Amino acid sequence: MTARIIAPEAAAAIRLVSLDVDGVLTDGSLWVGVDERRHGSEIRRFHALDGMATRLLQQAGLLVAFVSGKRSRAVEARARELGIDHVSLGDRAGKISALGGILSERGLEWGAAAHLGDDLADLAVMKRVGLAGAVANAVPEIAATADWIGSVRGGDGAVREFAEALLRARGEWDDLVAGFHEGGRFAGTTLDEQEADGA
C-alpha cells in the first residue's frame, strides 16, 4: 500500500484541492424519491469531519473544488454552506475538462492541484495532478495510480484524513490546531459557519 505520509516537496506545490463527490465526500449511496407528481428528490449524506476539513484547507490558503460527473442540488447546497471556491457538477466533457477549466481560470498548472478520488471517472485526472489521493475503498485502478492512499472509506471522514496529511506535510497543521486551543474556532468565522462545518 502507498504510504500515508505525503512528501513535503509535493505538498508545498499544491494550491488547489479537488474533491470527487460520490464515494469521497459521500459513501456513494443515493437516496432517490418520487412524489405523487413524479417530481424526483435526492438526499446525500455528508460527514461533518469533511466539512471541517474543507475549512482547514481554506484557512491554510488553499482553494477547494468539488468536481463530480453528476448534477446534484444537494451537493450544490453543501458547497454553498461550506463556501467552496469552485463547483463543477455534470460536465459532459468529463473531469479533465472540468478541473482543467478551473485551473486555467485561476492561472494554475496541473502540478499545483491535488485530487482525492475513488473510481474510474477520477483516473485521468489523477494521472495529471501533482498529488493524487485515494480513499481506502477506492477501486484497484485508482489505488494503483495514487501517490497517497487513506485508511478511511469515502463518506466517513476520508477528506479530513487527506486534508490533515496534506497540511501536516506543508507544516501548517499545528498552527491551525493552535487556533482551536486559543479560541475554539477559526478566526473570523461566525457561529453559523462553524455549525455548517459540523464543528
Protein backbone atom coordinates (compact mmCIF):
# COMPACT_ATOMS: atom_id res chain seq x y z
CA MET A 1 0.00 0.00 0.00
CA THR A 2 1.15 3.55 -0.75
CA ALA A 3 2.50 5.45 2.25
CA ARG A 4 0.07 7.62 4.20
CA ILE A 5 2.69 10.35 4.58
CA ILE A 6 2.78 12.99 1.84
CA ALA A 7 6.22 14.23 0.79
CA PRO A 8 6.74 17.85 1.92
CA GLU A 9 8.01 18.91 -1.51
CA ALA A 10 4.87 17.54 -3.19
CA ALA A 11 2.62 19.18 -0.59
CA ALA A 12 4.34 22.56 -0.91
CA ALA A 13 3.46 22.78 -4.61
CA ILE A 14 -0.29 22.37 -4.06
CA ARG A 15 -2.55 25.41 -4.43
CA LEU A 16 -5.91 23.74 -5.11
CA VAL A 17 -7.51 20.59 -3.69
CA SER A 18 -10.09 18.92 -5.93
CA LEU A 19 -12.56 16.50 -4.37
CA ASP A 20 -14.74 13.94 -6.07
CA VAL A 21 -18.21 13.79 -4.54
CA ASP A 22 -19.82 10.35 -4.83
CA GLY A 23 -17.65 7.84 -2.98
CA VAL A 24 -15.37 10.51 -1.49
CA LEU A 25 -17.49 13.22 0.16
CA THR A 26 -20.30 10.66 0.38
CA ASP A 27 -20.28 6.88 0.76
CA GLY A 28 -21.60 6.59 -2.78
CA SER A 29 -25.18 5.84 -1.76
CA LEU A 30 -28.00 7.73 -3.49
CA TRP A 31 -31.43 8.09 -1.92
CA VAL A 32 -33.93 8.95 -4.65
CA GLY A 33 -37.62 9.57 -4.04
CA VAL A 34 -40.52 10.46 -6.31
CA ASP A 35 -43.64 12.31 -5.13
CA GLU A 36 -47.22 11.94 -6.43
CA ARG A 37 -46.47 14.36 -9.28
CA ARG A 38 -43.41 12.30 -10.24
CA HIS A 39 -41.02 15.01 -9.11
CA GLY A 40 -37.76 13.46 -8.09
CA SER A 41 -35.86 14.30 -4.93
CA GLU A 42 -32.41 13.30 -3.84
CA ILE A 43 -30.72 13.06 -0.46
CA ARG A 44 -26.98 12.81 0.13
CA ARG A 45 -25.21 12.11 3.42
CA PHE A 46 -22.11 14.18 4.17
CA HIS A 47 -19.73 13.78 7.10
CA ALA A 48 -19.11 16.68 9.49
CA LEU A 49 -15.39 15.84 9.61
CA ASP A 50 -15.15 16.56 5.90
CA GLY A 51 -16.84 19.92 6.37
CA MET A 52 -14.18 20.80 8.92
CA ALA A 53 -11.51 19.55 6.50
CA THR A 54 -12.57 21.96 3.76
CA ARG A 55 -12.44 24.84 6.25
CA LEU A 56 -8.95 23.81 7.38
CA LEU A 57 -7.73 23.72 3.78
CA GLN A 58 -9.22 27.14 3.08
CA GLN A 59 -7.81 28.56 6.30
CA ALA A 60 -4.38 27.46 5.08
CA GLY A 61 -4.92 29.47 1.89
CA LEU A 62 -5.73 26.57 -0.41
CA LEU A 63 -8.57 26.61 -2.92
CA VAL A 64 -11.10 23.78 -2.70
CA ALA A 65 -13.14 22.41 -5.60
CA PHE A 66 -15.94 19.85 -5.81
CA VAL A 67 -15.71 18.00 -9.14
CA SER A 68 -18.36 15.42 -9.98
CA GLY A 69 -19.82 13.89 -13.11
CA LYS A 70 -23.33 14.13 -11.67
CA ARG A 71 -25.51 17.18 -11.12
CA SER A 72 -26.98 17.42 -7.65
CA ARG A 73 -28.88 20.15 -5.82
CA ALA A 74 -27.88 18.53 -2.53
CA VAL A 75 -24.19 18.86 -3.43
CA GLU A 76 -24.71 22.45 -4.57
CA ALA A 77 -26.33 23.23 -1.20
CA ARG A 78 -23.47 21.65 0.74
CA ALA A 79 -20.91 23.53 -1.34
CA ARG A 80 -22.67 26.84 -0.63
CA GLU A 81 -22.83 26.01 3.06
CA LEU A 82 -19.06 25.45 3.14
CA GLY A 83 -18.10 28.35 0.87
CA ILE A 84 -16.40 26.05 -1.63
CA ASP A 85 -14.36 28.05 -4.15
CA HIS A 86 -15.26 26.06 -7.28
CA VAL A 87 -18.03 23.56 -8.02
CA SER A 88 -18.29 21.58 -11.26
CA LEU A 89 -21.13 19.08 -11.44
CA GLY A 90 -22.14 17.13 -14.53
CA ASP A 91 -19.59 18.43 -17.05
CA ARG A 92 -20.34 16.23 -20.08
CA ALA A 93 -16.76 16.60 -21.28
CA GLY A 94 -15.53 14.86 -18.11
CA LYS A 95 -13.41 15.72 -15.12
CA ILE A 96 -10.30 16.61 -17.12
CA SER A 97 -12.28 19.36 -18.81
CA ALA A 98 -13.92 20.44 -15.55
CA LEU A 99 -10.77 20.65 -13.44
CA GLY A 100 -8.69 21.94 -16.36
CA GLY A 101 -11.11 24.84 -16.70
CA ILE A 102 -10.88 25.64 -13.00
CA LEU A 103 -7.08 25.58 -13.08
CA SER A 104 -7.00 27.77 -16.18
CA GLU A 105 -9.35 30.28 -14.55
CA ARG A 106 -7.00 30.51 -11.59
CA GLY A 107 -3.83 30.59 -13.68
CA LEU A 108 -2.60 27.30 -12.23
CA GLU A 109 -0.85 24.32 -13.77
CA TRP A 110 -1.88 20.70 -13.19
CA GLY A 111 1.06 20.21 -10.88
CA ALA A 112 -0.45 22.72 -8.44
CA ALA A 113 -3.56 20.57 -7.93
CA ALA A 114 -4.31 17.62 -5.67
CA HIS A 115 -7.28 15.35 -6.30
CA LEU A 116 -8.95 12.82 -3.98
CA GLY A 117 -10.86 10.13 -5.84
CA ASP A 118 -12.31 6.64 -5.63
CA ASP A 119 -13.49 5.34 -9.00
CA LEU A 120 -12.60 5.12 -12.69
CA ALA A 121 -14.04 8.54 -13.55
CA ASP A 122 -11.17 10.02 -11.49
CA LEU A 123 -8.41 8.11 -13.27
CA ALA A 124 -7.46 10.61 -15.99
CA VAL A 125 -7.43 13.50 -13.50
CA MET A 126 -5.29 11.57 -11.03
CA LYS A 127 -2.70 10.92 -13.73
CA ARG A 128 -2.39 14.68 -14.40
CA VAL A 129 -2.40 16.32 -10.95
CA GLY A 130 0.64 16.97 -8.79
CA LEU A 131 -0.75 14.91 -5.91
CA ALA A 132 -3.22 12.05 -6.37
CA GLY A 133 -5.04 10.69 -3.33
CA ALA A 134 -7.36 7.70 -2.97
CA VAL A 135 -9.86 6.82 -0.27
CA ALA A 136 -9.47 3.47 1.49
CA ASN A 137 -12.16 1.74 -0.58
CA ALA A 138 -11.05 3.10 -3.95
CA VAL A 139 -11.15 0.67 -6.88
CA PRO A 140 -7.83 -1.06 -7.66
CA GLU A 141 -7.06 1.09 -10.70
CA ILE A 142 -7.35 4.28 -8.62
CA ALA A 143 -5.31 2.85 -5.75
CA ALA A 144 -2.58 1.86 -8.21
CA THR A 145 -2.41 5.44 -9.55
CA ALA A 146 -2.47 7.19 -6.18
CA ASP A 147 0.51 8.87 -4.53
CA TRP A 148 -1.33 8.57 -1.20
CA ILE A 149 -3.98 6.08 -0.01
CA GLY A 150 -6.05 6.72 3.09
CA SER A 151 -7.33 4.34 5.74
CA VAL A 152 -10.83 5.88 5.88
CA ARG A 153 -13.63 4.94 3.49
CA GLY A 154 -15.35 7.57 1.38
CA GLY A 155 -18.15 9.38 3.20
CA ASP A 156 -16.75 8.54 6.63
CA GLY A 157 -14.26 11.40 7.00
CA ALA A 158 -11.85 10.50 4.20
CA VAL A 159 -11.45 14.13 3.16
CA ARG A 160 -10.47 15.03 6.72
CA GLU A 161 -7.78 12.33 6.70
CA PHE A 162 -6.40 13.59 3.39
CA ALA A 163 -6.53 17.24 4.46
CA GLU A 164 -4.66 16.50 7.68
CA ALA A 165 -1.95 14.54 5.84
CA LEU A 166 -1.53 17.37 3.33
CA LEU A 167 -1.47 20.12 5.94
CA ARG A 168 0.99 18.21 8.12
CA ALA A 169 3.28 17.77 5.11
CA ARG A 170 3.07 21.52 4.48
CA GLY A 171 3.95 22.25 8.11
CA GLU A 172 0.66 24.08 8.70
CA TRP A 173 -1.31 21.63 10.83
CA ASP A 174 -0.02 22.64 14.26
CA ASP A 175 -0.71 26.34 13.69
CA LEU A 176 -4.27 25.59 12.55
CA VAL A 177 -4.90 23.41 15.60
CA ALA A 178 -3.45 26.09 17.87
CA GLY A 179 -6.30 28.40 16.88
CA PHE A 180 -8.75 25.95 18.40
CA HIS A 181 -6.77 25.78 21.65
CA GLU A 182 -6.92 29.55 21.88
CA GLY A 183 -10.46 30.33 20.78
CA GLY A 184 -12.24 27.10 19.96
CA ARG A 185 -12.88 28.11 16.34
CA PHE A 186 -11.36 29.67 13.25
CA ALA A 187 -10.53 33.33 13.49
CA GLY A 188 -13.01 35.49 11.57
CA THR A 189 -15.82 32.93 11.32
CA THR A 190 -19.29 33.14 12.76
CA LEU A 191 -21.05 30.57 14.91
CA ASP A 192 -23.37 29.77 11.97
CA GLU A 193 -20.35 28.99 9.78
CA GLN A 194 -18.93 26.74 12.48
CA GLU A 195 -22.23 24.86 12.69
CA ALA A 196 -22.24 24.40 8.91
CA ASP A 197 -18.85 22.71 9.22
CA GLY A 198 -20.23 20.39 11.86
CA ALA A 199 -17.88 21.90 14.44
